[in-house]
PDB file of all heavy atoms in Angstrom:
ATOM      1  N   THR A   1     125.382 106.695  35.475  1.00  0.00           N
ATOM      2  CA  THR A   1     124.685 107.969  35.636  1.00  0.00           C
ATOM      3  C   THR A   1     125.359 108.822  36.702  1.00  0.00           C
ATOM      4  O   THR A   1     125.534 110.035  36.528  1.00  0.00           O
ATOM      5  CB  THR A   1     123.219 107.721  36.024  1.00  0.00           C
ATOM      6  OG1 THR A   1     122.574 107.048  34.940  1.00  0.00           O
ATOM      7  CG2 THR A   1     122.487 109.027  36.298  1.00  0.00           C
ATOM      8  N   VAL A   2     125.739 108.204  37.818  1.00  0.00           N
ATOM      9  CA  VAL A   2     126.427 108.933  38.894  1.00  0.00           C
ATOM     10  C   VAL A   2     127.718 109.542  38.373  1.00  0.00           C
ATOM     11  O   VAL A   2     128.040 110.701  38.669  1.00  0.00           O
ATOM     12  CB  VAL A   2     126.706 107.990  40.083  1.00  0.00           C
ATOM     13  CG1 VAL A   2     127.677 108.633  41.072  1.00  0.00           C
ATOM     14  CG2 VAL A   2     125.403 107.643  40.791  1.00  0.00           C
ATOM     15  N   ALA A   3     128.479 108.798  37.575  1.00  0.00           N
ATOM     16  CA  ALA A   3     129.731 109.321  37.024  1.00  0.00           C
ATOM     17  C   ALA A   3     129.475 110.541  36.142  1.00  0.00           C
ATOM     18  O   ALA A   3     130.216 111.538  36.195  1.00  0.00           O
ATOM     19  CB  ALA A   3     130.442 108.227  36.229  1.00  0.00           C
ATOM     20  N   LYS A   4     128.412 110.503  35.337  1.00  0.00           N
ATOM     21  CA  LYS A   4     128.076 111.647  34.484  1.00  0.00           C
ATOM     22  C   LYS A   4     127.685 112.860  35.325  1.00  0.00           C
ATOM     23  O   LYS A   4     128.074 113.992  35.016  1.00  0.00           O
ATOM     24  CB  LYS A   4     126.929 111.285  33.546  1.00  0.00           C
ATOM     25  CG  LYS A   4     127.296 110.300  32.457  1.00  0.00           C
ATOM     26  CD  LYS A   4     126.062 109.957  31.642  1.00  0.00           C
ATOM     27  CE  LYS A   4     126.363 108.848  30.660  1.00  0.00           C
ATOM     28  NZ  LYS A   4     125.162 108.424  29.934  1.00  0.00           N
ATOM     29  N   LEU A   5     126.915 112.619  36.366  1.00  0.00           N
ATOM     30  CA  LEU A   5     126.505 113.729  37.231  1.00  0.00           C
ATOM     31  C   LEU A   5     127.699 114.348  37.939  1.00  0.00           C
ATOM     32  O   LEU A   5     127.799 115.577  38.058  1.00  0.00           O
ATOM     33  CB  LEU A   5     125.491 113.226  38.268  1.00  0.00           C
ATOM     34  CG  LEU A   5     124.075 112.975  37.747  1.00  0.00           C
ATOM     35  CD1 LEU A   5     123.268 112.185  38.762  1.00  0.00           C
ATOM     36  CD2 LEU A   5     123.384 114.291  37.426  1.00  0.00           C
ATOM     37  N   GLN A   6     128.616 113.529  38.406  1.00  0.00           N
ATOM     38  CA  GLN A   6     129.794 114.054  39.097  1.00  0.00           C
ATOM     39  C   GLN A   6     130.633 114.923  38.157  1.00  0.00           C
ATOM     40  O   GLN A   6     131.152 115.974  38.561  1.00  0.00           O
ATOM     41  CB  GLN A   6     130.612 112.898  39.671  1.00  0.00           C
ATOM     42  CG  GLN A   6     129.920 112.221  40.840  1.00  0.00           C
ATOM     43  CD  GLN A   6     130.597 110.938  41.280  1.00  0.00           C
ATOM     44  OE1 GLN A   6     131.324 110.313  40.509  1.00  0.00           O
ATOM     45  NE2 GLN A   6     130.361 110.534  42.520  1.00  0.00           N
ATOM     46  N   LEU A   7     130.760 114.482  36.901  1.00  0.00           N
ATOM     47  CA  LEU A   7     131.496 115.290  35.912  1.00  0.00           C
ATOM     48  C   LEU A   7     130.766 116.606  35.639  1.00  0.00           C
ATOM     49  O   LEU A   7     131.387 117.666  35.543  1.00  0.00           O
ATOM     50  CB  LEU A   7     131.658 114.504  34.612  1.00  0.00           C
ATOM     51  CG  LEU A   7     132.698 113.377  34.617  1.00  0.00           C
ATOM     52  CD1 LEU A   7     132.640 112.598  33.316  1.00  0.00           C
ATOM     53  CD2 LEU A   7     134.105 113.946  34.826  1.00  0.00           C
ATOM     54  N   ALA A   8     129.446 116.520  35.521  1.00  0.00           N
ATOM     55  CA  ALA A   8     128.658 117.727  35.233  1.00  0.00           C
ATOM     56  C   ALA A   8     128.755 118.736  36.371  1.00  0.00           C
ATOM     57  O   ALA A   8     128.842 119.946  36.144  1.00  0.00           O
ATOM     58  CB  ALA A   8     127.203 117.349  34.982  1.00  0.00           C
ATOM     59  N   LEU A   9     128.745 118.252  37.608  1.00  0.00           N
ATOM     60  CA  LEU A   9     128.818 119.151  38.762  1.00  0.00           C
ATOM     61  C   LEU A   9     130.184 119.815  38.883  1.00  0.00           C
ATOM     62  O   LEU A   9     130.312 120.886  39.490  1.00  0.00           O
ATOM     63  CB  LEU A   9     128.482 118.373  40.040  1.00  0.00           C
ATOM     64  CG  LEU A   9     127.019 117.936  40.171  1.00  0.00           C
ATOM     65  CD1 LEU A   9     126.855 116.938  41.313  1.00  0.00           C
ATOM     66  CD2 LEU A   9     126.110 119.129  40.380  1.00  0.00           C
ATOM     67  N   ARG A  10     131.201 119.175  38.325  1.00  0.00           N
ATOM     68  CA  ARG A  10     132.543 119.756  38.360  1.00  0.00           C
ATOM     69  C   ARG A  10     132.799 120.707  37.186  1.00  0.00           C
ATOM     70  O   ARG A  10     133.847 121.333  37.113  1.00  0.00           O
ATOM     71  CB  ARG A  10     133.591 118.643  38.353  1.00  0.00           C
ATOM     72  CG  ARG A  10     133.720 117.924  39.699  1.00  0.00           C
ATOM     73  CD  ARG A  10     134.757 116.804  39.644  1.00  0.00           C
ATOM     74  NE  ARG A  10     135.059 116.308  40.971  1.00  0.00           N
ATOM     75  CZ  ARG A  10     134.315 115.432  41.642  1.00  0.00           C
ATOM     76  NH1 ARG A  10     133.217 114.965  41.087  1.00  0.00           N
ATOM     77  NH2 ARG A  10     134.656 115.034  42.850  1.00  0.00           N
ATOM     78  N   ALA A  11     131.851 120.749  36.259  1.00  0.00           N
ATOM     79  CA  ALA A  11     132.030 121.610  35.090  1.00  0.00           C
ATOM     80  C   ALA A  11     132.082 123.079  35.524  1.00  0.00           C
ATOM     81  O   ALA A  11     131.533 123.470  36.555  1.00  0.00           O
ATOM     82  CB  ALA A  11     130.891 121.393  34.092  1.00  0.00           C
ATOM     83  N   ALA A  12     132.717 123.887  34.718  1.00  0.00           N
ATOM     84  CA  ALA A  12     132.816 125.314  35.039  1.00  0.00           C
ATOM     85  C   ALA A  12     131.429 125.941  35.067  1.00  0.00           C
ATOM     86  O   ALA A  12     130.508 125.523  34.371  1.00  0.00           O
ATOM     87  CB  ALA A  12     133.684 126.008  33.991  1.00  0.00           C
ATOM     88  N   ALA A  13     131.273 126.962  35.889  1.00  0.00           N
ATOM     89  CA  ALA A  13     129.989 127.647  36.019  1.00  0.00           C
ATOM     90  C   ALA A  13     129.559 128.170  34.659  1.00  0.00           C
ATOM     91  O   ALA A  13     130.320 128.801  33.942  1.00  0.00           O
ATOM     92  CB  ALA A  13     130.108 128.794  37.003  1.00  0.00           C
ATOM     93  N   GLY A  14     128.313 127.892  34.315  1.00  0.00           N
ATOM     94  CA  GLY A  14     127.761 128.371  33.051  1.00  0.00           C
ATOM     95  C   GLY A  14     127.997 127.444  31.897  1.00  0.00           C
ATOM     96  O   GLY A  14     127.455 127.649  30.825  1.00  0.00           O
ATOM     97  N   ALA A  15     128.834 126.393  32.073  1.00  0.00           N
ATOM     98  CA  ALA A  15     129.090 125.467  30.979  1.00  0.00           C
ATOM     99  C   ALA A  15     127.945 124.468  30.884  1.00  0.00           C
ATOM    100  O   ALA A  15     127.261 124.202  31.870  1.00  0.00           O
ATOM    101  CB  ALA A  15     130.402 124.723  31.220  1.00  0.00           C
ATOM    102  N   PRO A  16     127.701 123.901  29.708  1.00  0.00           N
ATOM    103  CA  PRO A  16     126.639 122.895  29.592  1.00  0.00           C
ATOM    104  C   PRO A  16     126.941 121.703  30.485  1.00  0.00           C
ATOM    105  O   PRO A  16     128.088 121.343  30.689  1.00  0.00           O
ATOM    106  CB  PRO A  16     126.700 122.499  28.102  1.00  0.00           C
ATOM    107  CG  PRO A  16     127.419 123.613  27.420  1.00  0.00           C
ATOM    108  CD  PRO A  16     128.374 124.172  28.432  1.00  0.00           C
ATOM    109  N   ALA A  17     125.898 121.080  31.025  1.00  0.00           N
ATOM    110  CA  ALA A  17     126.087 119.916  31.892  1.00  0.00           C
ATOM    111  C   ALA A  17     126.750 118.773  31.140  1.00  0.00           C
ATOM    112  O   ALA A  17     127.544 118.039  31.685  1.00  0.00           O
ATOM    113  CB  ALA A  17     124.736 119.455  32.445  1.00  0.00           C
ATOM    114  N   VAL A  18     126.422 118.622  29.858  1.00  0.00           N
ATOM    115  CA  VAL A  18     126.998 117.576  29.026  1.00  0.00           C
ATOM    116  C   VAL A  18     127.337 118.186  27.671  1.00  0.00           C
ATOM    117  O   VAL A  18     126.562 118.956  27.132  1.00  0.00           O
ATOM    118  CB  VAL A  18     126.005 116.400  28.838  1.00  0.00           C
ATOM    119  CG1 VAL A  18     126.619 115.309  27.986  1.00  0.00           C
ATOM    120  CG2 VAL A  18     125.576 115.850  30.186  1.00  0.00           C
ATOM    121  N   ALA A  19     128.487 117.832  27.139  1.00  0.00           N
ATOM    122  CA  ALA A  19     128.853 118.341  25.820  1.00  0.00           C
ATOM    123  C   ALA A  19     127.797 117.925  24.805  1.00  0.00           C
ATOM    124  O   ALA A  19     127.305 116.786  24.849  1.00  0.00           O
ATOM    125  CB  ALA A  19     130.215 117.786  25.410  1.00  0.00           C
ATOM    126  N   PRO A  20     127.430 118.817  23.861  1.00  0.00           N
ATOM    127  CA  PRO A  20     126.387 118.473  22.884  1.00  0.00           C
ATOM    128  C   PRO A  20     126.685 117.193  22.118  1.00  0.00           C
ATOM    129  O   PRO A  20     125.788 116.404  21.851  1.00  0.00           O
ATOM    130  CB  PRO A  20     126.379 119.698  21.952  1.00  0.00           C
ATOM    131  CG  PRO A  20     126.881 120.821  22.802  1.00  0.00           C
ATOM    132  CD  PRO A  20     127.901 120.202  23.728  1.00  0.00           C
ATOM    133  N   GLU A  21     127.975 116.968  21.779  1.00  0.00           N
ATOM    134  CA  GLU A  21     128.332 115.768  21.041  1.00  0.00           C
ATOM    135  C   GLU A  21     128.050 114.511  21.857  1.00  0.00           C
ATOM    136  O   GLU A  21     127.516 113.519  21.349  1.00  0.00           O
ATOM    137  CB  GLU A  21     129.819 115.796  20.646  1.00  0.00           C
ATOM    138  CG  GLU A  21     130.190 116.927  19.702  1.00  0.00           C
ATOM    139  CD  GLU A  21     130.344 118.270  20.423  1.00  0.00           C
ATOM    140  OE1 GLU A  21     130.315 118.281  21.675  1.00  0.00           O
ATOM    141  OE2 GLU A  21     130.461 119.299  19.725  1.00  0.00           O
ATOM    142  N   ALA A  22     128.385 114.575  23.154  1.00  0.00           N
ATOM    143  CA  ALA A  22     128.136 113.426  24.020  1.00  0.00           C
ATOM    144  C   ALA A  22     126.639 113.191  24.193  1.00  0.00           C
ATOM    145  O   ALA A  22     126.171 112.051  24.236  1.00  0.00           O
ATOM    146  CB  ALA A  22     128.804 113.632  25.378  1.00  0.00           C
ATOM    147  N   LEU A  23     125.881 114.285  24.276  1.00  0.00           N
ATOM    148  CA  LEU A  23     124.433 114.177  24.433  1.00  0.00           C
ATOM    149  C   LEU A  23     123.804 113.522  23.205  1.00  0.00           C
ATOM    150  O   LEU A  23     122.958 112.634  23.315  1.00  0.00           O
ATOM    151  CB  LEU A  23     123.847 115.563  24.655  1.00  0.00           C
ATOM    152  CG  LEU A  23     122.403 115.643  25.158  1.00  0.00           C
ATOM    153  CD1 LEU A  23     122.268 114.965  26.505  1.00  0.00           C
ATOM    154  CD2 LEU A  23     121.962 117.082  25.245  1.00  0.00           C
ATOM    155  N   ARG A  24     124.261 113.946  22.015  1.00  0.00           N
ATOM    156  CA  ARG A  24     123.728 113.360  20.791  1.00  0.00           C
ATOM    157  C   ARG A  24     124.079 111.883  20.676  1.00  0.00           C
ATOM    158  O   ARG A  24     123.267 111.058  20.253  1.00  0.00           O
ATOM    159  CB  ARG A  24     124.249 114.134  19.574  1.00  0.00           C
ATOM    160  CG  ARG A  24     123.524 115.456  19.337  1.00  0.00           C
ATOM    161  CD  ARG A  24     123.843 116.012  17.960  1.00  0.00           C
ATOM    162  NE  ARG A  24     125.234 116.444  17.871  1.00  0.00           N
ATOM    163  CZ  ARG A  24     125.642 117.670  18.159  1.00  0.00           C
ATOM    164  NH1 ARG A  24     124.766 118.591  18.562  1.00  0.00           N
ATOM    165  NH2 ARG A  24     126.906 117.997  18.048  1.00  0.00           N
ATOM    166  N   ALA A  25     125.313 111.533  21.077  1.00  0.00           N
ATOM    167  CA  ALA A  25     125.739 110.133  21.008  1.00  0.00           C
ATOM    168  C   ALA A  25     124.901 109.265  21.933  1.00  0.00           C
ATOM    169  O   ALA A  25     124.480 108.161  21.574  1.00  0.00           O
ATOM    170  CB  ALA A  25     127.224 110.017  21.374  1.00  0.00           C
ATOM    171  N   LEU A  26     124.626 109.786  23.138  1.00  0.00           N
ATOM    172  CA  LEU A  26     123.821 109.032  24.092  1.00  0.00           C
ATOM    173  C   LEU A  26     122.385 108.908  23.601  1.00  0.00           C
ATOM    174  O   LEU A  26     121.741 107.865  23.734  1.00  0.00           O
ATOM    175  CB  LEU A  26     123.860 109.705  25.459  1.00  0.00           C
ATOM    176  CG  LEU A  26     123.146 108.981  26.603  1.00  0.00           C
ATOM    177  CD1 LEU A  26     123.725 107.598  26.817  1.00  0.00           C
ATOM    178  CD2 LEU A  26     123.246 109.798  27.877  1.00  0.00           C
ATOM    179  N   LEU A  27     121.865 109.978  23.013  1.00  0.00           N
ATOM    180  CA  LEU A  27     120.511 109.955  22.468  1.00  0.00           C
ATOM    181  C   LEU A  27     120.386 108.894  21.382  1.00  0.00           C
ATOM    182  O   LEU A  27     119.431 108.123  21.348  1.00  0.00           O
ATOM    183  CB  LEU A  27     120.166 111.328  21.906  1.00  0.00           C
ATOM    184  CG  LEU A  27     118.859 111.459  21.126  1.00  0.00           C
ATOM    185  CD1 LEU A  27     117.690 111.020  21.979  1.00  0.00           C
ATOM    186  CD2 LEU A  27     118.665 112.870  20.654  1.00  0.00           C
ATOM    187  N   GLN A  28     121.378 108.825  20.476  1.00  0.00           N
ATOM    188  CA  GLN A  28     121.342 107.833  19.406  1.00  0.00           C
ATOM    189  C   GLN A  28     121.368 106.425  19.968  1.00  0.00           C
ATOM    190  O   GLN A  28     120.679 105.522  19.490  1.00  0.00           O
ATOM    191  CB  GLN A  28     122.522 108.054  18.462  1.00  0.00           C
ATOM    192  CG  GLN A  28     122.396 109.321  17.628  1.00  0.00           C
ATOM    193  CD  GLN A  28     123.661 109.619  16.836  1.00  0.00           C
ATOM    194  OE1 GLN A  28     124.639 108.873  16.925  1.00  0.00           O
ATOM    195  NE2 GLN A  28     123.651 110.697  16.081  1.00  0.00           N
ATOM    196  N   GLN A  29     122.168 106.241  21.015  1.00  0.00           N
ATOM    197  CA  GLN A  29     122.275 104.922  21.630  1.00  0.00           C
ATOM    198  C   GLN A  29     120.950 104.480  22.240  1.00  0.00           C
ATOM    199  O   GLN A  29     120.530 103.338  22.100  1.00  0.00           O
ATOM    200  CB  GLN A  29     123.363 104.948  22.707  1.00  0.00           C
ATOM    201  CG  GLN A  29     123.518 103.633  23.461  1.00  0.00           C
ATOM    202  CD  GLN A  29     124.484 103.762  24.616  1.00  0.00           C
ATOM    203  OE1 GLN A  29     125.138 104.784  24.773  1.00  0.00           O
ATOM    204  NE2 GLN A  29     124.582 102.734  25.420  1.00  0.00           N
ATOM    205  N   LEU A  30     120.264 105.403  22.933  1.00  0.00           N
ATOM    206  CA  LEU A  30     119.034 105.047  23.625  1.00  0.00           C
ATOM    207  C   LEU A  30     117.835 104.989  22.689  1.00  0.00           C
ATOM    208  O   LEU A  30     116.922 104.206  22.899  1.00  0.00           O
ATOM    209  CB  LEU A  30     118.760 106.044  24.748  1.00  0.00           C
ATOM    210  CG  LEU A  30     119.696 105.941  25.949  1.00  0.00           C
ATOM    211  CD1 LEU A  30     119.439 107.099  26.901  1.00  0.00           C
ATOM    212  CD2 LEU A  30     119.507 104.620  26.675  1.00  0.00           C
ATOM    213  N   ALA A  31     117.836 105.836  21.659  1.00  0.00           N
ATOM    214  CA  ALA A  31     116.689 105.892  20.757  1.00  0.00           C
ATOM    215  C   ALA A  31     116.721 104.796  19.701  1.00  0.00           C
ATOM    216  O   ALA A  31     115.697 104.485  19.102  1.00  0.00           O
ATOM    217  CB  ALA A  31     116.628 107.260  20.076  1.00  0.00           C
ATOM    218  N   ALA A  32     117.901 104.203  19.487  1.00  0.00           N
ATOM    219  CA  ALA A  32     118.015 103.156  18.473  1.00  0.00           C
ATOM    220  C   ALA A  32     117.193 101.945  18.881  1.00  0.00           C
ATOM    221  O   ALA A  32     117.075 101.635  20.066  1.00  0.00           O
ATOM    222  CB  ALA A  32     119.481 102.768  18.296  1.00  0.00           C
ATOM    223  N   PRO A  33     116.599 101.251  17.926  1.00  0.00           N
ATOM    224  CA  PRO A  33     115.837 100.044  18.280  1.00  0.00           C
ATOM    225  C   PRO A  33     116.744  98.987  18.880  1.00  0.00           C
ATOM    226  O   PRO A  33     117.912  98.869  18.519  1.00  0.00           O
ATOM    227  CB  PRO A  33     115.267  99.584  16.927  1.00  0.00           C
ATOM    228  CG  PRO A  33     116.145 100.222  15.891  1.00  0.00           C
ATOM    229  CD  PRO A  33     116.609 101.519  16.482  1.00  0.00           C
ATOM    230  N   LEU A  34     116.200  98.255  19.826  1.00  0.00           N
ATOM    231  CA  LEU A  34     116.978  97.200  20.454  1.00  0.00           C
ATOM    232  C   LEU A  34     117.252  96.090  19.450  1.00  0.00           C
ATOM    233  O   LEU A  34     116.395  95.765  18.617  1.00  0.00           O
ATOM    234  CB  LEU A  34     116.207  96.617  21.651  1.00  0.00           C
ATOM    235  CG  LEU A  34     115.982  97.581  22.810  1.00  0.00           C
ATOM    236  CD1 LEU A  34     115.083  96.923  23.844  1.00  0.00           C
ATOM    237  CD2 LEU A  34     117.300  97.987  23.433  1.00  0.00           C
TER     238      LEU A  34
END
């Protein structure tokens, strides 16, 4: 999580904190049944 935050804080002003594709991939990973 810290690594993701550090990348997001270095992103250009006005850019999304996380790329939509990466966000969707993470969502699928967490929402999938164990």
